């Protein structure tokens, strides 16, 4: 099935001052579009042509690097736009909050570990909250990889490629990650993914 660029679920300037219109114009309208176009070209004539996006991501991992990189980034970004909302952050819905307490030692520790994962991802990549073997875990991956290819279910991801933050934060990746966690995360969507995963 062909990849398509989704509309943003909010206006380009709706995430300010934490993520600017200019960042979203580059990140969504240009970078994500490039993953869609490149992915569609690389998908043609492969065994995954009629597969679901998740099947393409899992199937091409370690077998077809070009396709995997673009399909993985398309998958990651489809969720990334929904993982944010205007006036995000704040309280985490009940069941998910309870699970964070149980598995990750509470909200403050989870926040610190999530930000640390993003800060310490060398070069381009992502930091994640994922469900793996029934437990919540905080992980990081390089480039377009995500927890799907490591046996987990992504529940929340933050893009730490420079195009995600450099216009707004220059080299201050920790500041970007703090702003993301505290002011942008759409916890309702994370909770929805958690409920579907369990």
C-alpha atoms as a PDB file:
ATOM      1  CA  UNK A   1       0.000   0.000   0.000  1.00  0.00           C
ATOM      2  CA  UNK A   2       1.356   3.417  -0.950  1.00  0.00           C
ATOM      3  CA  UNK A   3       2.618   5.786   1.724  1.00  0.00           C
ATOM      4  CA  UNK A   4       0.778   9.097   2.032  1.00  0.00           C
ATOM      5  CA  UNK A   5       1.720  12.286   3.845  1.00  0.00           C
ATOM      6  CA  UNK A   6      -0.940  12.941   6.493  1.00  0.00           C
ATOM      7  CA  UNK A   7      -2.297  16.393   7.214  1.00  0.00           C
ATOM      8  CA  UNK A   8      -0.978  17.790  10.487  1.00  0.00           C
ATOM      9  CA  UNK A   9      -3.663  17.404  13.192  1.00  0.00           C
ATOM     10  CA  UNK A  10      -3.218  21.132  14.066  1.00  0.00           C
ATOM     11  CA  UNK A  11      -2.121  24.332  12.355  1.00  0.00           C
ATOM     12  CA  UNK A  12       1.594  24.798  11.583  1.00  0.00           C
ATOM     13  CA  UNK A  13       1.830  27.509  14.250  1.00  0.00           C
ATOM     14  CA  UNK A  14      -0.235  25.699  16.911  1.00  0.00           C
ATOM     15  CA  UNK A  15       2.704  24.255  18.861  1.00  0.00           C
ATOM     16  CA  UNK A  16       4.442  27.561  19.531  1.00  0.00           C
ATOM     17  CA  UNK A  17       6.445  28.691  21.352  1.00  0.00           C
ATOM     18  CA  UNK A  18       7.832  25.157  21.853  1.00  0.00           C
ATOM     19  CA  UNK A  19       7.914  24.163  18.189  1.00  0.00           C
ATOM     20  CA  UNK A  20       7.735  26.871  15.546  1.00  0.00           C
ATOM     21  CA  UNK A  21       5.782  27.127  12.314  1.00  0.00           C
ATOM     22  CA  UNK A  22       9.125  27.113  10.463  1.00  0.00           C
ATOM     23  CA  UNK A  23      10.171  23.819  12.078  1.00  0.00           C
ATOM     24  CA  UNK A  24       6.882  22.162  11.165  1.00  0.00           C
ATOM     25  CA  UNK A  25       7.023  23.529   7.609  1.00  0.00           C
ATOM     26  CA  UNK A  26      10.447  21.931   7.137  1.00  0.00           C
ATOM     27  CA  UNK A  27       9.891  18.832   9.231  1.00  0.00           C
ATOM     28  CA  UNK A  28       6.407  17.834   8.084  1.00  0.00           C
ATOM     29  CA  UNK A  29       6.094  19.441   4.644  1.00  0.00           C
ATOM     30  CA  UNK A  30       9.614  18.618   3.414  1.00  0.00           C
ATOM     31  CA  UNK A  31      11.346  15.917   5.487  1.00  0.00           C
ATOM     32  CA  UNK A  32       8.314  13.678   6.053  1.00  0.00           C
ATOM     33  CA  UNK A  33       7.238  14.174   2.440  1.00  0.00           C
ATOM     34  CA  UNK A  34      10.688  12.992   1.312  1.00  0.00           C
ATOM     35  CA  UNK A  35      10.321   9.751   3.348  1.00  0.00           C
ATOM     36  CA  UNK A  36       6.916   9.219   1.709  1.00  0.00           C
ATOM     37  CA  UNK A  37       8.173   9.809  -1.833  1.00  0.00           C
ATOM     38  CA  UNK A  38      11.411   7.838  -1.417  1.00  0.00           C
ATOM     39  CA  UNK A  39       9.570   5.046   0.390  1.00  0.00           C
ATOM     40  CA  UNK A  40       7.006   4.730  -2.406  1.00  0.00           C
ATOM     41  CA  UNK A  41       9.742   4.543  -5.050  1.00  0.00           C
ATOM     42  CA  UNK A  42      11.695   1.922  -3.088  1.00  0.00           C
ATOM     43  CA  UNK A  43       8.564  -0.117  -2.326  1.00  0.00           C
ATOM     44  CA  UNK A  44       7.776  -0.716  -5.997  1.00  0.00           C
ATOM     45  CA  UNK A  45       8.492  -4.257  -7.122  1.00  0.00           C
ATOM     46  CA  UNK A  46       9.388  -5.562  -3.647  1.00  0.00           C
ATOM     47  CA  UNK A  47       7.704  -8.429  -1.801  1.00  0.00           C
ATOM     48  CA  UNK A  48       6.147  -5.867   0.565  1.00  0.00           C
ATOM     49  CA  UNK A  49       4.290  -3.885  -2.092  1.00  0.00           C
ATOM     50  CA  UNK A  50       0.855  -4.846  -0.721  1.00  0.00           C
ATOM     51  CA  UNK A  51       1.835  -5.216   2.931  1.00  0.00           C
ATOM     52  CA  UNK A  52       0.759  -2.970   5.813  1.00  0.00           C
ATOM     53  CA  UNK A  53       3.203  -0.298   6.974  1.00  0.00           C
ATOM     54  CA  UNK A  54       4.033  -2.277  10.127  1.00  0.00           C
ATOM     55  CA  UNK A  55       4.760  -5.377   8.024  1.00  0.00           C
ATOM     56  CA  UNK A  56       6.968  -3.330   5.681  1.00  0.00           C
ATOM     57  CA  UNK A  57       8.918  -1.880   8.620  1.00  0.00           C
ATOM     58  CA  UNK A  58       9.427  -5.264  10.296  1.00  0.00           C
ATOM     59  CA  UNK A  59      10.023  -7.166   7.047  1.00  0.00           C
ATOM     60  CA  UNK A  60      12.541  -4.785   5.483  1.00  0.00           C
ATOM     61  CA  UNK A  61      14.601  -4.356   8.685  1.00  0.00           C
ATOM     62  CA  UNK A  62      18.053  -5.805   8.069  1.00  0.00           C
ATOM     63  CA  UNK A  63      17.058  -6.852   4.522  1.00  0.00           C
ATOM     64  CA  UNK A  64      16.448  -3.673   2.534  1.00  0.00           C
ATOM     65  CA  UNK A  65      18.119  -0.682   4.193  1.00  0.00           C
ATOM     66  CA  UNK A  66      16.821   2.011   1.833  1.00  0.00           C
ATOM     67  CA  UNK A  67      13.214   0.900   2.095  1.00  0.00           C
ATOM     68  CA  UNK A  68      13.487   0.319   5.836  1.00  0.00           C
ATOM     69  CA  UNK A  69      14.921   3.784   6.521  1.00  0.00           C
ATOM     70  CA  UNK A  70      12.095   5.528   4.686  1.00  0.00           C
ATOM     71  CA  UNK A  71       9.300   3.219   5.860  1.00  0.00           C
ATOM     72  CA  UNK A  72      10.563   3.396   9.451  1.00  0.00           C
ATOM     73  CA  UNK A  73      10.710   7.175   9.371  1.00  0.00           C
ATOM     74  CA  UNK A  74       7.255   7.351   7.760  1.00  0.00           C
ATOM     75  CA  UNK A  75       5.865   5.130  10.533  1.00  0.00           C
ATOM     76  CA  UNK A  76       7.634   7.134  13.240  1.00  0.00           C
ATOM     77  CA  UNK A  77       6.411  10.474  11.894  1.00  0.00           C
ATOM     78  CA  UNK A  78       2.809   9.348  11.368  1.00  0.00           C
ATOM     79  CA  UNK A  79       2.736   8.914  15.134  1.00  0.00           C
ATOM     80  CA  UNK A  80       5.044  11.817  15.995  1.00  0.00           C
ATOM     81  CA  UNK A  81       2.533  14.423  14.788  1.00  0.00           C
ATOM     82  CA  UNK A  82      -0.168  12.765  16.919  1.00  0.00           C
ATOM     83  CA  UNK A  83       2.154  12.455  19.922  1.00  0.00           C
ATOM     84  CA  UNK A  84       2.014  16.248  20.158  1.00  0.00           C
ATOM     85  CA  UNK A  85      -0.818  18.701  20.637  1.00  0.00           C
ATOM     86  CA  UNK A  86      -1.241  22.373  21.528  1.00  0.00           C
ATOM     87  CA  UNK A  87      -1.193  22.752  25.337  1.00  0.00           C
ATOM     88  CA  UNK A  88       0.154  19.232  25.698  1.00  0.00           C
ATOM     89  CA  UNK A  89       1.978  17.740  28.655  1.00  0.00           C
ATOM     90  CA  UNK A  90       0.200  17.740  31.997  1.00  0.00           C
ATOM     91  CA  UNK A  91      -1.481  14.844  33.767  1.00  0.00           C
ATOM     92  CA  UNK A  92      -1.108  11.308  32.427  1.00  0.00           C
ATOM     93  CA  UNK A  93      -4.355   9.273  32.230  1.00  0.00           C
ATOM     94  CA  UNK A  94      -4.976   6.817  35.093  1.00  0.00           C
ATOM     95  CA  UNK A  95      -4.099   3.335  33.832  1.00  0.00           C
ATOM     96  CA  UNK A  96      -0.979   4.519  32.059  1.00  0.00           C
ATOM     97  CA  UNK A  97       0.113   6.596  35.066  1.00  0.00           C
ATOM     98  CA  UNK A  98      -0.281   3.527  37.304  1.00  0.00           C
ATOM     99  CA  UNK A  99       1.809   1.414  34.914  1.00  0.00           C
ATOM    100  CA  UNK A 100       4.511   4.132  34.798  1.00  0.00           C
ATOM    101  CA  UNK A 101       4.645   4.020  38.625  1.00  0.00           C
ATOM    102  CA  UNK A 102       4.894   0.220  38.599  1.00  0.00           C
ATOM    103  CA  UNK A 103       7.427  -0.274  35.802  1.00  0.00           C
ATOM    104  CA  UNK A 104       9.422   2.950  35.619  1.00  0.00           C
ATOM    105  CA  UNK A 105       9.589   4.166  39.219  1.00  0.00           C
ATOM    106  CA  UNK A 106       7.124   7.043  38.878  1.00  0.00           C
ATOM    107  CA  UNK A 107       6.643  10.083  36.665  1.00  0.00           C
ATOM    108  CA  UNK A 108       9.755  12.049  37.687  1.00  0.00           C
ATOM    109  CA  UNK A 109      12.074   9.119  37.087  1.00  0.00           C
ATOM    110  CA  UNK A 110      10.344   8.303  33.793  1.00  0.00           C
ATOM    111  CA  UNK A 111      10.680  11.941  32.667  1.00  0.00           C
ATOM    112  CA  UNK A 112      14.383  12.005  33.576  1.00  0.00           C
ATOM    113  CA  UNK A 113      15.085   8.653  31.880  1.00  0.00           C
ATOM    114  CA  UNK A 114      13.146   9.598  28.729  1.00  0.00           C
ATOM    115  CA  UNK A 115      14.973  12.918  28.377  1.00  0.00           C
ATOM    116  CA  UNK A 116      18.294  11.199  29.111  1.00  0.00           C
ATOM    117  CA  UNK A 117      17.629   8.606  26.392  1.00  0.00           C
ATOM    118  CA  UNK A 118      17.087  11.444  23.907  1.00  0.00           C
ATOM    119  CA  UNK A 119      20.125  13.402  25.053  1.00  0.00           C
ATOM    120  CA  UNK A 120      22.441  10.381  24.876  1.00  0.00           C
ATOM    121  CA  UNK A 121      21.264   9.088  21.477  1.00  0.00           C
ATOM    122  CA  UNK A 122      24.449   9.819  19.551  1.00  0.00           C
ATOM    123  CA  UNK A 123      23.714  11.406  16.185  1.00  0.00           C
ATOM    124  CA  UNK A 124      20.264  11.007  14.666  1.00  0.00           C
ATOM    125  CA  UNK A 125      17.544   8.841  16.145  1.00  0.00           C
ATOM    126  CA  UNK A 126      14.643   8.619  18.565  1.00  0.00           C
ATOM    127  CA  UNK A 127      13.882   8.141  22.261  1.00  0.00           C
ATOM    128  CA  UNK A 128      10.951   5.900  23.165  1.00  0.00           C
ATOM    129  CA  UNK A 129       8.441   4.761  25.699  1.00  0.00           C
ATOM    130  CA  UNK A 130       7.477   1.255  24.592  1.00  0.00           C
ATOM    131  CA  UNK A 131       5.655  -1.803  25.868  1.00  0.00           C
ATOM    132  CA  UNK A 132       7.771  -4.936  25.680  1.00  0.00           C
ATOM    133  CA  UNK A 133       6.898  -8.315  27.197  1.00  0.00           C
ATOM    134  CA  UNK A 134       4.116  -6.661  29.196  1.00  0.00           C
ATOM    135  CA  UNK A 135       6.409  -4.050  30.740  1.00  0.00           C
ATOM    136  CA  UNK A 136       6.970  -0.373  29.984  1.00  0.00           C
ATOM    137  CA  UNK A 137      10.531   0.422  28.922  1.00  0.00           C
ATOM    138  CA  UNK A 138      12.408   3.579  27.954  1.00  0.00           C
ATOM    139  CA  UNK A 139      14.754   3.008  25.020  1.00  0.00           C
ATOM    140  CA  UNK A 140      16.516   4.836  22.195  1.00  0.00           C
ATOM    141  CA  UNK A 141      17.214   3.881  18.604  1.00  0.00           C
ATOM    142  CA  UNK A 142      19.426   5.152  15.809  1.00  0.00           C
ATOM    143  CA  UNK A 143      18.135   6.764  12.631  1.00  0.00           C
ATOM    144  CA  UNK A 144      14.717   5.374  11.593  1.00  0.00           C
ATOM    145  CA  UNK A 145      14.652   2.340  13.883  1.00  0.00           C
ATOM    146  CA  UNK A 146      11.846   1.952  16.403  1.00  0.00           C
ATOM    147  CA  UNK A 147      10.729  -0.551  19.057  1.00  0.00           C
ATOM    148  CA  UNK A 148       8.675  -2.528  16.494  1.00  0.00           C
ATOM    149  CA  UNK A 149      11.851  -4.112  15.102  1.00  0.00           C
ATOM    150  CA  UNK A 150      13.054  -4.998  18.618  1.00  0.00           C
ATOM    151  CA  UNK A 151       9.909  -6.834  19.709  1.00  0.00           C
ATOM    152  CA  UNK A 152       8.183  -3.879  21.371  1.00  0.00           C
ATOM    153  CA  UNK A 153       5.195  -1.599  20.760  1.00  0.00           C
ATOM    154  CA  UNK A 154       5.984   2.127  20.499  1.00  0.00           C
ATOM    155  CA  UNK A 155       3.762   4.222  22.788  1.00  0.00           C
ATOM    156  CA  UNK A 156       5.622   7.549  22.673  1.00  0.00           C
ATOM    157  CA  UNK A 157       8.571   8.648  20.583  1.00  0.00           C
ATOM    158  CA  UNK A 158      10.511  11.866  20.282  1.00  0.00           C
ATOM    159  CA  UNK A 159      12.525  12.686  17.186  1.00  0.00           C
ATOM    160  CA  UNK A 160      16.080  13.767  18.007  1.00  0.00           C
ATOM    161  CA  UNK A 161      17.230  14.280  14.421  1.00  0.00           C
ATOM    162  CA  UNK A 162      18.515  17.856  14.177  1.00  0.00           C
ATOM    163  CA  UNK A 163      15.747  18.842  11.754  1.00  0.00           C
ATOM    164  CA  UNK A 164      13.311  18.313  14.625  1.00  0.00           C
ATOM    165  CA  UNK A 165      14.776  21.004  16.868  1.00  0.00           C
ATOM    166  CA  UNK A 166      17.679  22.946  15.371  1.00  0.00           C
ATOM    167  CA  UNK A 167      15.652  25.923  14.087  1.00  0.00           C
ATOM    168  CA  UNK A 168      14.132  26.482  17.545  1.00  0.00           C
ATOM    169  CA  UNK A 169      16.811  25.251  19.945  1.00  0.00           C
ATOM    170  CA  UNK A 170      20.070  25.223  17.934  1.00  0.00           C
ATOM    171  CA  UNK A 171      22.356  22.699  19.669  1.00  0.00           C
ATOM    172  CA  UNK A 172      20.371  22.603  22.928  1.00  0.00           C
ATOM    173  CA  UNK A 173      18.815  19.169  22.540  1.00  0.00           C
ATOM    174  CA  UNK A 174      18.085  18.802  26.308  1.00  0.00           C
ATOM    175  CA  UNK A 175      15.988  22.017  26.238  1.00  0.00           C
ATOM    176  CA  UNK A 176      13.997  20.696  23.286  1.00  0.00           C
ATOM    177  CA  UNK A 177      13.375  17.368  25.052  1.00  0.00           C
ATOM    178  CA  UNK A 178      12.219  19.111  28.236  1.00  0.00           C
ATOM    179  CA  UNK A 179       9.862  21.335  26.244  1.00  0.00           C
ATOM    180  CA  UNK A 180       8.531  18.301  24.365  1.00  0.00           C
ATOM    181  CA  UNK A 181       7.829  16.297  27.519  1.00  0.00           C
ATOM    182  CA  UNK A 182       6.405  19.160  29.580  1.00  0.00           C
ATOM    183  CA  UNK A 183       4.431  21.107  26.978  1.00  0.00           C
ATOM    184  CA  UNK A 184       3.755  19.084  23.832  1.00  0.00           C
ATOM    185  CA  UNK A 185       3.014  15.425  24.603  1.00  0.00           C
ATOM    186  CA  UNK A 186      -0.514  14.296  23.814  1.00  0.00           C
ATOM    187  CA  UNK A 187      -0.915  11.842  26.700  1.00  0.00           C
ATOM    188  CA  UNK A 188      -4.427  10.877  25.572  1.00  0.00           C
ATOM    189  CA  UNK A 189      -2.964   9.463  22.365  1.00  0.00           C
ATOM    190  CA  UNK A 190      -0.210   7.663  24.299  1.00  0.00           C
ATOM    191  CA  UNK A 191      -2.864   6.179  26.619  1.00  0.00           C
ATOM    192  CA  UNK A 192      -4.910   5.080  23.579  1.00  0.00           C
ATOM    193  CA  UNK A 193      -1.884   3.250  22.125  1.00  0.00           C
ATOM    194  CA  UNK A 194      -1.207   1.690  25.542  1.00  0.00           C
ATOM    195  CA  UNK A 195      -4.804   0.463  25.850  1.00  0.00           C
ATOM    196  CA  UNK A 196      -4.626  -1.049  22.340  1.00  0.00           C
ATOM    197  CA  UNK A 197      -1.281  -2.716  23.114  1.00  0.00           C
ATOM    198  CA  UNK A 198      -2.522  -4.443  26.263  1.00  0.00           C
END
